[in-house]
Amino acid sequence: MPSREAQKYLYDIAGAADYIAQFTAGRSFEEYRTDPMLRSAVERQFEIIGEALNQLLRREPGLGERISNAPLIIAFRNRLIHGYASVSDEVVWGVVERYLPVLSSEVRALLAGDE
């Protein structure tokens, strides 16, 4: 079971993933692409996920083995923050559809204490 501090970061990741799922539920890529508020909200939650994961792995590096693509998630956060001008809407939407469900499932398993 992760430490209490690690659990806080896991909860932050789970919460941000839930917000992204909520914001994008029933929405199409075209709606995402043309709605600056939706894009901003989704990108902000990905920034939270990446930063929380970065802090989590500083405290408990072994958890990185239990979260698929952990280094890529952190790199994605860095790209959103530092390379925002070159962020592709298609890439962000692809992450929402393909990778967010996996991350959410893995984080929930860690919070539940599943091995």
PDB file of N, CA and C in Angstrom:
ATOM      1  N   MET A   1       0.843  -1.181   0.000  1.00  0.00           N
ATOM      2  CA  MET A   1       0.000   0.000   0.000  1.00  0.00           C
ATOM      3  C   MET A   1       0.888   1.244   0.000  1.00  0.00           C
ATOM      4  N   PRO A   2       0.620   2.186  -0.883  1.00  0.00           N
ATOM      5  CA  PRO A   2       1.409   3.422  -0.918  1.00  0.00           C
ATOM      6  C   PRO A   2       1.265   4.213   0.380  1.00  0.00           C
ATOM      7  N   SER A   3       2.286   5.010   0.677  1.00  0.00           N
ATOM      8  CA  SER A   3       2.246   5.871   1.859  1.00  0.00           C
ATOM      9  C   SER A   3       1.095   6.871   1.746  1.00  0.00           C
ATOM     10  N   ARG A   4       0.793   7.522   2.865  1.00  0.00           N
ATOM     11  CA  ARG A   4      -0.287   8.519   2.850  1.00  0.00           C
ATOM     12  C   ARG A   4       0.025   9.649   1.874  1.00  0.00           C
ATOM     13  N   GLU A   5       1.265  10.083   1.857  1.00  0.00           N
ATOM     14  CA  GLU A   5       1.655  11.156   0.938  1.00  0.00           C
ATOM     15  C   GLU A   5       1.500  10.707  -0.514  1.00  0.00           C
ATOM     16  N   ALA A   6       1.914   9.474  -0.795  1.00  0.00           N
ATOM     17  CA  ALA A   6       1.770   8.939  -2.151  1.00  0.00           C
ATOM     18  C   ALA A   6       0.293   8.809  -2.514  1.00  0.00           C
ATOM     19  N   GLN A   7      -0.515   8.407  -1.551  1.00  0.00           N
ATOM     20  CA  GLN A   7      -1.949   8.286  -1.814  1.00  0.00           C
ATOM     21  C   GLN A   7      -2.563   9.631  -2.206  1.00  0.00           C
ATOM     22  N   LYS A   8      -2.079  10.710  -1.598  1.00  0.00           N
ATOM     23  CA  LYS A   8      -2.591  12.037  -1.947  1.00  0.00           C
ATOM     24  C   LYS A   8      -2.356  12.319  -3.423  1.00  0.00           C
ATOM     25  N   TYR A   9      -1.150  12.013  -3.916  1.00  0.00           N
ATOM     26  CA  TYR A   9      -0.861  12.231  -5.335  1.00  0.00           C
ATOM     27  C   TYR A   9      -1.692  11.306  -6.215  1.00  0.00           C
ATOM     28  N   LEU A  10      -1.891  10.077  -5.769  1.00  0.00           N
ATOM     29  CA  LEU A  10      -2.736   9.148  -6.531  1.00  0.00           C
ATOM     30  C   LEU A  10      -4.171   9.669  -6.609  1.00  0.00           C
ATOM     31  N   TYR A  11      -4.689  10.208  -5.508  1.00  0.00           N
ATOM     32  CA  TYR A  11      -6.027  10.795  -5.520  1.00  0.00           C
ATOM     33  C   TYR A  11      -6.086  11.998  -6.470  1.00  0.00           C
ATOM     34  N   ASP A  12      -5.052  12.803  -6.474  1.00  0.00           N
ATOM     35  CA  ASP A  12      -5.012  13.955  -7.389  1.00  0.00           C
ATOM     36  C   ASP A  12      -5.052  13.484  -8.842  1.00  0.00           C
ATOM     37  N   ILE A  13      -4.290  12.437  -9.145  1.00  0.00           N
ATOM     38  CA  ILE A  13      -4.283  11.892 -10.510  1.00  0.00           C
ATOM     39  C   ILE A  13      -5.661  11.346 -10.862  1.00  0.00           C
ATOM     40  N   ALA A  14      -6.235  10.564  -9.960  1.00  0.00           N
ATOM     41  CA  ALA A  14      -7.555   9.984 -10.211  1.00  0.00           C
ATOM     42  C   ALA A  14      -8.605  11.076 -10.406  1.00  0.00           C
ATOM     43  N   GLY A  15      -8.547  12.105  -9.573  1.00  0.00           N
ATOM     44  CA  GLY A  15      -9.511  13.198  -9.686  1.00  0.00           C
ATOM     45  C   GLY A  15      -9.392  13.949 -10.997  1.00  0.00           C
ATOM     46  N   ALA A  16      -8.161  14.241 -11.398  1.00  0.00           N
ATOM     47  CA  ALA A  16      -7.947  14.940 -12.665  1.00  0.00           C
ATOM     48  C   ALA A  16      -8.399  14.081 -13.839  1.00  0.00           C
ATOM     49  N   ALA A  17      -8.134  12.782 -13.775  1.00  0.00           N
ATOM     50  CA  ALA A  17      -8.586  11.869 -14.834  1.00  0.00           C
ATOM     51  C   ALA A  17     -10.110  11.848 -14.902  1.00  0.00           C
ATOM     52  N   ASP A  18     -10.757  11.853 -13.742  1.00  0.00           N
ATOM     53  CA  ASP A  18     -12.221  11.901 -13.706  1.00  0.00           C
ATOM     54  C   ASP A  18     -12.748  13.188 -14.341  1.00  0.00           C
ATOM     55  N   TYR A  19     -12.101  14.300 -14.027  1.00  0.00           N
ATOM     56  CA  TYR A  19     -12.535  15.567 -14.629  1.00  0.00           C
ATOM     57  C   TYR A  19     -12.409  15.519 -16.145  1.00  0.00           C
ATOM     58  N   ILE A  20     -11.304  15.008 -16.648  1.00  0.00           N
ATOM     59  CA  ILE A  20     -11.139  14.926 -18.106  1.00  0.00           C
ATOM     60  C   ILE A  20     -12.231  14.067 -18.708  1.00  0.00           C
ATOM     61  N   ALA A  21     -12.504  12.923 -18.087  1.00  0.00           N
ATOM     62  CA  ALA A  21     -13.562  12.042 -18.590  1.00  0.00           C
ATOM     63  C   ALA A  21     -14.914  12.761 -18.576  1.00  0.00           C
ATOM     64  N   GLN A  22     -15.164  13.498 -17.511  1.00  0.00           N
ATOM     65  CA  GLN A  22     -16.422  14.253 -17.399  1.00  0.00           C
ATOM     66  C   GLN A  22     -16.506  15.342 -18.466  1.00  0.00           C
ATOM     67  N   PHE A  23     -15.419  16.091 -18.636  1.00  0.00           N
ATOM     68  CA  PHE A  23     -15.417  17.194 -19.595  1.00  0.00           C
ATOM     69  C   PHE A  23     -15.607  16.716 -21.029  1.00  0.00           C
ATOM     70  N   THR A  24     -15.091  15.535 -21.338  1.00  0.00           N
ATOM     71  CA  THR A  24     -15.087  15.056 -22.726  1.00  0.00           C
ATOM     72  C   THR A  24     -16.202  14.058 -23.027  1.00  0.00           C
ATOM     73  N   ALA A  25     -16.943  13.642 -22.020  1.00  0.00           N
ATOM     74  CA  ALA A  25     -18.012  12.651 -22.224  1.00  0.00           C
ATOM     75  C   ALA A  25     -19.019  13.159 -23.249  1.00  0.00           C
ATOM     76  N   GLY A  26     -19.266  12.337 -24.254  1.00  0.00           N
ATOM     77  CA  GLY A  26     -20.237  12.692 -25.279  1.00  0.00           C
ATOM     78  C   GLY A  26     -19.773  13.763 -26.247  1.00  0.00           C
ATOM     79  N   ARG A  27     -18.530  14.171 -26.141  1.00  0.00           N
ATOM     80  CA  ARG A  27     -17.988  15.220 -27.023  1.00  0.00           C
ATOM     81  C   ARG A  27     -17.176  14.577 -28.136  1.00  0.00           C
ATOM     82  N   SER A  28     -17.149  15.221 -29.261  1.00  0.00           N
ATOM     83  CA  SER A  28     -16.366  14.739 -30.402  1.00  0.00           C
ATOM     84  C   SER A  28     -15.039  15.493 -30.464  1.00  0.00           C
ATOM     85  N   PHE A  29     -14.135  14.968 -31.286  1.00  0.00           N
ATOM     86  CA  PHE A  29     -12.871  15.673 -31.484  1.00  0.00           C
ATOM     87  C   PHE A  29     -13.129  17.068 -32.037  1.00  0.00           C
ATOM     88  N   GLU A  30     -14.064  17.194 -32.945  1.00  0.00           N
ATOM     89  CA  GLU A  30     -14.355  18.501 -33.545  1.00  0.00           C
ATOM     90  C   GLU A  30     -14.826  19.497 -32.483  1.00  0.00           C
ATOM     91  N   GLU A  31     -15.650  19.038 -31.558  1.00  0.00           N
ATOM     92  CA  GLU A  31     -16.079  19.914 -30.466  1.00  0.00           C
ATOM     93  C   GLU A  31     -14.883  20.309 -29.607  1.00  0.00           C
ATOM     94  N   TYR A  32     -14.022  19.342 -29.325  1.00  0.00           N
ATOM     95  CA  TYR A  32     -12.819  19.636 -28.547  1.00  0.00           C
ATOM     96  C   TYR A  32     -11.965  20.670 -29.268  1.00  0.00           C
ATOM     97  N   ARG A  33     -11.730  20.442 -30.549  1.00  0.00           N
ATOM     98  CA  ARG A  33     -10.851  21.300 -31.340  1.00  0.00           C
ATOM     99  C   ARG A  33     -11.343  22.744 -31.412  1.00  0.00           C
ATOM    100  N   THR A  34     -12.659  22.922 -31.416  1.00  0.00           N
ATOM    101  CA  THR A  34     -13.206  24.265 -31.618  1.00  0.00           C
ATOM    102  C   THR A  34     -13.642  24.964 -30.324  1.00  0.00           C
ATOM    103  N   ASP A  35     -13.450  24.308 -29.187  1.00  0.00           N
ATOM    104  CA  ASP A  35     -13.882  24.896 -27.922  1.00  0.00           C
ATOM    105  C   ASP A  35     -12.656  25.209 -27.050  1.00  0.00           C
ATOM    106  N   PRO A  36     -12.220  26.456 -27.042  1.00  0.00           N
ATOM    107  CA  PRO A  36     -11.011  26.791 -26.284  1.00  0.00           C
ATOM    108  C   PRO A  36     -11.143  26.550 -24.781  1.00  0.00           C
ATOM    109  N   MET A  37     -12.333  26.694 -24.232  1.00  0.00           N
ATOM    110  CA  MET A  37     -12.496  26.448 -22.807  1.00  0.00           C
ATOM    111  C   MET A  37     -12.345  24.951 -22.511  1.00  0.00           C
ATOM    112  N   LEU A  38     -12.905  24.101 -23.342  1.00  0.00           N
ATOM    113  CA  LEU A  38     -12.765  22.658 -23.162  1.00  0.00           C
ATOM    114  C   LEU A  38     -11.305  22.242 -23.298  1.00  0.00           C
ATOM    115  N   ARG A  39     -10.625  22.737 -24.326  1.00  0.00           N
ATOM    116  CA  ARG A  39      -9.203  22.414 -24.504  1.00  0.00           C
ATOM    117  C   ARG A  39      -8.397  22.847 -23.292  1.00  0.00           C
ATOM    118  N   SER A  40      -8.644  24.057 -22.815  1.00  0.00           N
ATOM    119  CA  SER A  40      -7.911  24.570 -21.656  1.00  0.00           C
ATOM    120  C   SER A  40      -8.164  23.717 -20.419  1.00  0.00           C
ATOM    121  N   ALA A  41      -9.398  23.326 -20.216  1.00  0.00           N
ATOM    122  CA  ALA A  41      -9.739  22.521 -19.044  1.00  0.00           C
ATOM    123  C   ALA A  41      -9.059  21.154 -19.110  1.00  0.00           C
ATOM    124  N   VAL A  42      -9.102  20.521 -20.256  1.00  0.00           N
ATOM    125  CA  VAL A  42      -8.486  19.199 -20.415  1.00  0.00           C
ATOM    126  C   VAL A  42      -6.974  19.304 -20.236  1.00  0.00           C
ATOM    127  N   GLU A  43      -6.365  20.272 -20.887  1.00  0.00           N
ATOM    128  CA  GLU A  43      -4.917  20.427 -20.779  1.00  0.00           C
ATOM    129  C   GLU A  43      -4.506  20.714 -19.339  1.00  0.00           C
ATOM    130  N   ARG A  44      -5.272  21.524 -18.627  1.00  0.00           N
ATOM    131  CA  ARG A  44      -4.937  21.818 -17.218  1.00  0.00           C
ATOM    132  C   ARG A  44      -4.970  20.553 -16.373  1.00  0.00           C
ATOM    133  N   GLN A  45      -5.944  19.705 -16.591  1.00  0.00           N
ATOM    134  CA  GLN A  45      -6.025  18.470 -15.821  1.00  0.00           C
ATOM    135  C   GLN A  45      -4.871  17.527 -16.166  1.00  0.00           C
ATOM    136  N   PHE A  46      -4.451  17.507 -17.432  1.00  0.00           N
ATOM    137  CA  PHE A  46      -3.272  16.712 -17.787  1.00  0.00           C
ATOM    138  C   PHE A  46      -2.015  17.269 -17.121  1.00  0.00           C
ATOM    139  N   GLU A  47      -1.939  18.582 -16.977  1.00  0.00           N
ATOM    140  CA  GLU A  47      -0.800  19.178 -16.267  1.00  0.00           C
ATOM    141  C   GLU A  47      -0.782  18.712 -14.816  1.00  0.00           C
ATOM    142  N   ILE A  48      -1.943  18.678 -14.190  1.00  0.00           N
ATOM    143  CA  ILE A  48      -2.040  18.204 -12.804  1.00  0.00           C
ATOM    144  C   ILE A  48      -1.628  16.746 -12.717  1.00  0.00           C
ATOM    145  N   ILE A  49      -2.105  15.940 -13.644  1.00  0.00           N
ATOM    146  CA  ILE A  49      -1.737  14.515 -13.652  1.00  0.00           C
ATOM    147  C   ILE A  49      -0.225  14.358 -13.751  1.00  0.00           C
ATOM    148  N   GLY A  50       0.383  15.048 -14.687  1.00  0.00           N
ATOM    149  CA  GLY A  50       1.826  14.922 -14.887  1.00  0.00           C
ATOM    150  C   GLY A  50       2.631  15.393 -13.696  1.00  0.00           C
ATOM    151  N   GLU A  51       2.227  16.486 -13.092  1.00  0.00           N
ATOM    152  CA  GLU A  51       2.960  17.000 -11.932  1.00  0.00           C
ATOM    153  C   GLU A  51       2.766  16.091 -10.724  1.00  0.00           C
ATOM    154  N   ALA A  52       1.538  15.633 -10.499  1.00  0.00           N
ATOM    155  CA  ALA A  52       1.290  14.722  -9.377  1.00  0.00           C
ATOM    156  C   ALA A  52       2.070  13.424  -9.558  1.00  0.00           C
ATOM    157  N   LEU A  53       2.125  12.920 -10.770  1.00  0.00           N
ATOM    158  CA  LEU A  53       2.884  11.699 -11.032  1.00  0.00           C
ATOM    159  C   LEU A  53       4.374  11.930 -10.809  1.00  0.00           C
ATOM    160  N   ASN A  54       4.876  13.060 -11.246  1.00  0.00           N
ATOM    161  CA  ASN A  54       6.280  13.396 -11.035  1.00  0.00           C
ATOM    162  C   ASN A  54       6.608  13.419  -9.539  1.00  0.00           C
ATOM    163  N   GLN A  55       5.768  14.082  -8.761  1.00  0.00           N
ATOM    164  CA  GLN A  55       5.987  14.154  -7.313  1.00  0.00           C
ATOM    165  C   GLN A  55       5.843  12.777  -6.667  1.00  0.00           C
ATOM    166  N   LEU A  56       4.888  12.001  -7.118  1.00  0.00           N
ATOM    167  CA  LEU A  56       4.683  10.649  -6.602  1.00  0.00           C
ATOM    168  C   LEU A  56       5.928   9.796  -6.803  1.00  0.00           C
ATOM    169  N   LEU A  57       6.479   9.830  -8.005  1.00  0.00           N
ATOM    170  CA  LEU A  57       7.628   8.979  -8.312  1.00  0.00           C
ATOM    171  C   LEU A  57       8.904   9.461  -7.639  1.00  0.00           C
ATOM    172  N   ARG A  58       8.974  10.716  -7.264  1.00  0.00           N
ATOM    173  CA  ARG A  58      10.116  11.198  -6.471  1.00  0.00           C
ATOM    174  C   ARG A  58      10.089  10.582  -5.078  1.00  0.00           C
ATOM    175  N   ARG A  59       8.891  10.387  -4.576  1.00  0.00           N
ATOM    176  CA  ARG A  59       8.732   9.839  -3.233  1.00  0.00           C
ATOM    177  C   ARG A  59       8.720   8.314  -3.204  1.00  0.00           C
ATOM    178  N   GLU A  60       8.128   7.721  -4.216  1.00  0.00           N
ATOM    179  CA  GLU A  60       8.039   6.258  -4.291  1.00  0.00           C
ATOM    180  C   GLU A  60       8.339   5.808  -5.719  1.00  0.00           C
ATOM    181  N   PRO A  61       9.623   5.782  -6.092  1.00  0.00           N
ATOM    182  CA  PRO A  61      10.006   5.458  -7.459  1.00  0.00           C
ATOM    183  C   PRO A  61       9.506   4.097  -7.936  1.00  0.00           C
ATOM    184  N   GLY A  62       9.362   3.162  -7.037  1.00  0.00           N
ATOM    185  CA  GLY A  62       8.911   1.829  -7.424  1.00  0.00           C
ATOM    186  C   GLY A  62       7.517   1.795  -8.027  1.00  0.00           C
ATOM    187  N   LEU A  63       6.712   2.798  -7.725  1.00  0.00           N
ATOM    188  CA  LEU A  63       5.362   2.835  -8.282  1.00  0.00           C
ATOM    189  C   LEU A  63       5.377   3.085  -9.784  1.00  0.00           C
ATOM    190  N   GLY A  64       6.481   3.595 -10.302  1.00  0.00           N
ATOM    191  CA  GLY A  64       6.588   3.826 -11.740  1.00  0.00           C
ATOM    192  C   GLY A  64       6.422   2.561 -12.550  1.00  0.00           C
ATOM    193  N   GLU A  65       6.751   1.439 -11.952  1.00  0.00           N
ATOM    194  CA  GLU A  65       6.594   0.157 -12.638  1.00  0.00           C
ATOM    195  C   GLU A  65       5.129  -0.260 -12.715  1.00  0.00           C
ATOM    196  N   ARG A  66       4.288   0.344 -11.895  1.00  0.00           N
ATOM    197  CA  ARG A  66       2.875  -0.023 -11.850  1.00  0.00           C
ATOM    198  C   ARG A  66       1.994   0.943 -12.642  1.00  0.00           C
ATOM    199  N   ILE A  67       2.622   1.971 -13.231  1.00  0.00           N
ATOM    200  CA  ILE A  67       1.874   2.955 -14.023  1.00  0.00           C
ATOM    201  C   ILE A  67       2.460   2.970 -15.430  1.00  0.00           C
ATOM    202  N   SER A  68       1.686   2.485 -16.377  1.00  0.00           N
ATOM    203  CA  SER A  68       2.145   2.418 -17.766  1.00  0.00           C
ATOM    204  C   SER A  68       2.543   3.795 -18.280  1.00  0.00           C
ATOM    205  N   ASN A  69       3.657   3.839 -18.952  1.00  0.00           N
ATOM    206  CA  ASN A  69       4.115   5.063 -19.620  1.00  0.00           C
ATOM    207  C   ASN A  69       4.346   6.243 -18.684  1.00  0.00           C
ATOM    208  N   ALA A  70       4.703   5.976 -17.433  1.00  0.00           N
ATOM    209  CA  ALA A  70       4.892   7.063 -16.464  1.00  0.00           C
ATOM    210  C   ALA A  70       5.845   8.145 -16.988  1.00  0.00           C
ATOM    211  N   PRO A  71       7.015   7.787 -17.546  1.00  0.00           N
ATOM    212  CA  PRO A  71       7.894   8.853 -18.042  1.00  0.00           C
ATOM    213  C   PRO A  71       7.265   9.665 -19.181  1.00  0.00           C
ATOM    214  N   LEU A  72       6.472   9.002 -20.018  1.00  0.00           N
ATOM    215  CA  LEU A  72       5.815   9.716 -21.123  1.00  0.00           C
ATOM    216  C   LEU A  72       4.722  10.653 -20.613  1.00  0.00           C
ATOM    217  N   ILE A  73       4.047  10.260 -19.551  1.00  0.00           N
ATOM    218  CA  ILE A  73       3.008  11.114 -18.960  1.00  0.00           C
ATOM    219  C   ILE A  73       3.643  12.395 -18.412  1.00  0.00           C
ATOM    220  N   ILE A  74       4.761  12.245 -17.744  1.00  0.00           N
ATOM    221  CA  ILE A  74       5.464  13.415 -17.207  1.00  0.00           C
ATOM    222  C   ILE A  74       5.990  14.285 -18.349  1.00  0.00           C
ATOM    223  N   ALA A  75       6.512  13.663 -19.386  1.00  0.00           N
ATOM    224  CA  ALA A  75       6.992  14.415 -20.558  1.00  0.00           C
ATOM    225  C   ALA A  75       5.842  15.151 -21.243  1.00  0.00           C
ATOM    226  N   PHE A  76       4.674  14.528 -21.290  1.00  0.00           N
ATOM    227  CA  PHE A  76       3.493  15.156 -21.883  1.00  0.00           C
ATOM    228  C   PHE A  76       3.123  16.413 -21.087  1.00  0.00           C
ATOM    229  N   ARG A  77       3.175  16.327 -19.780  1.00  0.00           N
ATOM    230  CA  ARG A  77       2.913  17.488 -18.928  1.00  0.00           C
ATOM    231  C   ARG A  77       3.900  18.606 -19.225  1.00  0.00           C
ATOM    232  N   ASN A  78       5.168  18.247 -19.346  1.00  0.00           N
ATOM    233  CA  ASN A  78       6.187  19.246 -19.641  1.00  0.00           C
ATOM    234  C   ASN A  78       5.950  19.900 -20.990  1.00  0.00           C
ATOM    235  N   ARG A  79       5.520  19.112 -21.949  1.00  0.00           N
ATOM    236  CA  ARG A  79       5.233  19.644 -23.288  1.00  0.00           C
ATOM    237  C   ARG A  79       4.052  20.608 -23.227  1.00  0.00           C
ATOM    238  N   LEU A  80       3.019  20.245 -22.481  1.00  0.00           N
ATOM    239  CA  LEU A  80       1.855  21.125 -22.360  1.00  0.00           C
ATOM    240  C   LEU A  80       2.236  22.464 -21.738  1.00  0.00           C
ATOM    241  N   ILE A  81       3.127  22.428 -20.757  1.00  0.00           N
ATOM    242  CA  ILE A  81       3.483  23.649 -20.047  1.00  0.00           C
ATOM    243  C   ILE A  81       4.544  24.463 -20.792  1.00  0.00           C
ATOM    244  N   HIS A  82       5.605  23.794 -21.221  1.00  0.00           N
ATOM    245  CA  HIS A  82       6.740  24.521 -21.793  1.00  0.00           C
ATOM    246  C   HIS A  82       6.703  24.621 -23.313  1.00  0.00           C
ATOM    247  N   GLY A  83       5.986  23.706 -23.954  1.00  0.00           N
ATOM    248  CA  GLY A  83       5.920  23.722 -25.412  1.00  0.00           C
ATOM    249  C   GLY A  83       4.505  23.909 -25.904  1.00  0.00           C
ATOM    250  N   TYR A  84       3.735  24.665 -25.122  1.00  0.00           N
ATOM    251  CA  TYR A  84       2.309  24.817 -25.391  1.00  0.00           C
ATOM    252  C   TYR A  84       1.990  25.251 -26.815  1.00  0.00           C
ATOM    253  N   ALA A  85       2.869  26.016 -27.435  1.00  0.00           N
ATOM    254  CA  ALA A  85       2.598  26.510 -28.787  1.00  0.00           C
ATOM    255  C   ALA A  85       2.632  25.403 -29.828  1.00  0.00           C
ATOM    256  N   SER A  86       3.265  24.294 -29.487  1.00  0.00           N
ATOM    257  CA  SER A  86       3.365  23.203 -30.459  1.00  0.00           C
ATOM    258  C   SER A  86       2.520  21.990 -30.079  1.00  0.00           C
ATOM    259  N   VAL A  87       1.601  22.174 -29.141  1.00  0.00           N
ATOM    260  CA  VAL A  87       0.744  21.065 -28.729  1.00  0.00           C
ATOM    261  C   VAL A  87      -0.333  20.845 -29.789  1.00  0.00           C
ATOM    262  N   SER A  88      -0.452  19.598 -30.193  1.00  0.00           N
ATOM    263  CA  SER A  88      -1.417  19.223 -31.224  1.00  0.00           C
ATOM    264  C   SER A  88      -2.728  18.785 -30.570  1.00  0.00           C
ATOM    265  N   ASP A  89      -3.836  19.341 -31.045  1.00  0.00           N
ATOM    266  CA  ASP A  89      -5.139  18.929 -30.541  1.00  0.00           C
ATOM    267  C   ASP A  89      -5.375  17.436 -30.782  1.00  0.00           C
ATOM    268  N   GLU A  90      -4.892  16.942 -31.914  1.00  0.00           N
ATOM    269  CA  GLU A  90      -5.059  15.522 -32.233  1.00  0.00           C
ATOM    270  C   GLU A  90      -4.333  14.639 -31.223  1.00  0.00           C
ATOM    271  N   VAL A  91      -3.148  15.053 -30.815  1.00  0.00           N
ATOM    272  CA  VAL A  91      -2.380  14.275 -29.841  1.00  0.00           C
ATOM    273  C   VAL A  91      -3.102  14.264 -28.493  1.00  0.00           C
ATOM    274  N   VAL A  92      -3.552  15.428 -28.042  1.00  0.00           N
ATOM    275  CA  VAL A  92      -4.237  15.499 -26.750  1.00  0.00           C
ATOM    276  C   VAL A  92      -5.493  14.634 -26.784  1.00  0.00           C
ATOM    277  N   TRP A  93      -6.274  14.745 -27.840  1.00  0.00           N
ATOM    278  CA  TRP A  93      -7.500  13.954 -27.944  1.00  0.00           C
ATOM    279  C   TRP A  93      -7.174  12.453 -27.990  1.00  0.00           C
ATOM    280  N   GLY A  94      -6.115  12.107 -28.680  1.00  0.00           N
ATOM    281  CA  GLY A  94      -5.691  10.707 -28.728  1.00  0.00           C
ATOM    282  C   GLY A  94      -5.319  10.181 -27.349  1.00  0.00           C
ATOM    283  N   VAL A  95      -4.664  11.003 -26.556  1.00  0.00           N
ATOM    284  CA  VAL A  95      -4.311  10.608 -25.188  1.00  0.00           C
ATOM    285  C   VAL A  95      -5.584  10.415 -24.363  1.00  0.00           C
ATOM    286  N   VAL A  96      -6.545  11.308 -24.534  1.00  0.00           N
ATOM    287  CA  VAL A  96      -7.821  11.178 -23.824  1.00  0.00           C
ATOM    288  C   VAL A  96      -8.466   9.835 -24.152  1.00  0.00           C
ATOM    289  N   GLU A  97      -8.509   9.500 -25.415  1.00  0.00           N
ATOM    290  CA  GLU A  97      -9.213   8.284 -25.838  1.00  0.00           C
ATOM    291  C   GLU A  97      -8.446   7.001 -25.552  1.00  0.00           C
ATOM    292  N   ARG A  98      -7.130   7.005 -25.780  1.00  0.00           N
ATOM    293  CA  ARG A  98      -6.364   5.757 -25.710  1.00  0.00           C
ATOM    294  C   ARG A  98      -5.674   5.492 -24.385  1.00  0.00           C
ATOM    295  N   TYR A  99      -5.151   6.511 -23.767  1.00  0.00           N
ATOM    296  CA  TYR A  99      -4.285   6.295 -22.611  1.00  0.00           C
ATOM    297  C   TYR A  99      -4.898   6.675 -21.266  1.00  0.00           C
ATOM    298  N   LEU A 100      -5.802   7.619 -21.256  1.00  0.00           N
ATOM    299  CA  LEU A 100      -6.398   8.042 -19.988  1.00  0.00           C
ATOM    300  C   LEU A 100      -7.148   6.906 -19.282  1.00  0.00           C
ATOM    301  N   PRO A 101      -7.931   6.085 -19.998  1.00  0.00           N
ATOM    302  CA  PRO A 101      -8.619   4.985 -19.301  1.00  0.00           C
ATOM    303  C   PRO A 101      -7.647   4.007 -18.627  1.00  0.00           C
ATOM    304  N   VAL A 102      -6.523   3.735 -19.256  1.00  0.00           N
ATOM    305  CA  VAL A 102      -5.525   2.826 -18.679  1.00  0.00           C
ATOM    306  C   VAL A 102      -4.940   3.444 -17.416  1.00  0.00           C
ATOM    307  N   LEU A 103      -4.538   4.706 -17.494  1.00  0.00           N
ATOM    308  CA  LEU A 103      -3.979   5.397 -16.333  1.00  0.00           C
ATOM    309  C   LEU A 103      -4.981   5.401 -15.185  1.00  0.00           C
ATOM    310  N   SER A 104      -6.207   5.744 -15.479  1.00  0.00           N
ATOM    311  CA  SER A 104      -7.231   5.800 -14.450  1.00  0.00           C
ATOM    312  C   SER A 104      -7.397   4.438 -13.773  1.00  0.00           C
ATOM    313  N   SER A 105      -7.424   3.391 -14.543  1.00  0.00           N
ATOM    314  CA  SER A 105      -7.573   2.037 -14.005  1.00  0.00           C
ATOM    315  C   SER A 105      -6.382   1.652 -13.126  1.00  0.00           C
ATOM    316  N   GLU A 106      -5.182   1.950 -13.578  1.00  0.00           N
ATOM    317  CA  GLU A 106      -3.983   1.613 -12.807  1.00  0.00           C
ATOM    318  C   GLU A 106      -3.916   2.383 -11.490  1.00  0.00           C
ATOM    319  N   VAL A 107      -4.265   3.650 -11.533  1.00  0.00           N
ATOM    320  CA  VAL A 107      -4.228   4.474 -10.320  1.00  0.00           C
ATOM    321  C   VAL A 107      -5.281   3.995  -9.325  1.00  0.00           C
ATOM    322  N   ARG A 108      -6.449   3.654  -9.812  1.00  0.00           N
ATOM    323  CA  ARG A 108      -7.496   3.155  -8.916  1.00  0.00           C
ATOM    324  C   ARG A 108      -7.094   1.823  -8.280  1.00  0.00           C
ATOM    325  N   ALA A 109      -6.392   0.988  -9.036  1.00  0.00           N
ATOM    326  CA  ALA A 109      -5.913  -0.284  -8.483  1.00  0.00           C
ATOM    327  C   ALA A 109      -4.899  -0.014  -7.365  1.00  0.00           C
ATOM    328  N   LEU A 110      -4.023   0.962  -7.559  1.00  0.00           N
ATOM    329  CA  LEU A 110      -3.051   1.305  -6.518  1.00  0.00           C
ATOM    330  C   LEU A 110      -3.756   1.856  -5.274  1.00  0.00           C
ATOM    331  N   LEU A 111      -4.764   2.665  -5.481  1.00  0.00           N
ATOM    332  CA  LEU A 111      -5.498   3.225  -4.344  1.00  0.00           C
ATOM    333  C   LEU A 111      -6.271   2.141  -3.595  1.00  0.00           C
ATOM    334  N   ALA A 112      -6.733   1.141  -4.323  1.00  0.00           N
ATOM    335  CA  ALA A 112      -7.484   0.043  -3.710  1.00  0.00           C
ATOM    336  C   ALA A 112      -6.565  -0.969  -3.035  1.00  0.00           C
ATOM    337  N   GLY A 113      -5.257  -0.837  -3.282  1.00  0.00           N
ATOM    338  CA  GLY A 113      -4.307  -1.776  -2.695  1.00  0.00           C
ATOM    339  C   GLY A 113      -4.209  -3.066  -3.469  1.00  0.00           C
ATOM    340  N   ASP A 114      -4.707  -3.075  -4.713  1.00  0.00           N
ATOM    341  CA  ASP A 114      -4.600  -4.286  -5.544  1.00  0.00           C
ATOM    342  C   ASP A 114      -3.156  -4.486  -5.959  1.00  0.00           C
ATOM    343  N   GLU A 115      -2.724  -5.676  -5.912  1.00  0.00           N
ATOM    344  CA  GLU A 115      -1.352  -6.007  -6.316  1.00  0.00           C
ATOM    345  C   GLU A 115      -1.296  -6.495  -7.718  1.00  0.00           C
TER     346      GLU A 115
END
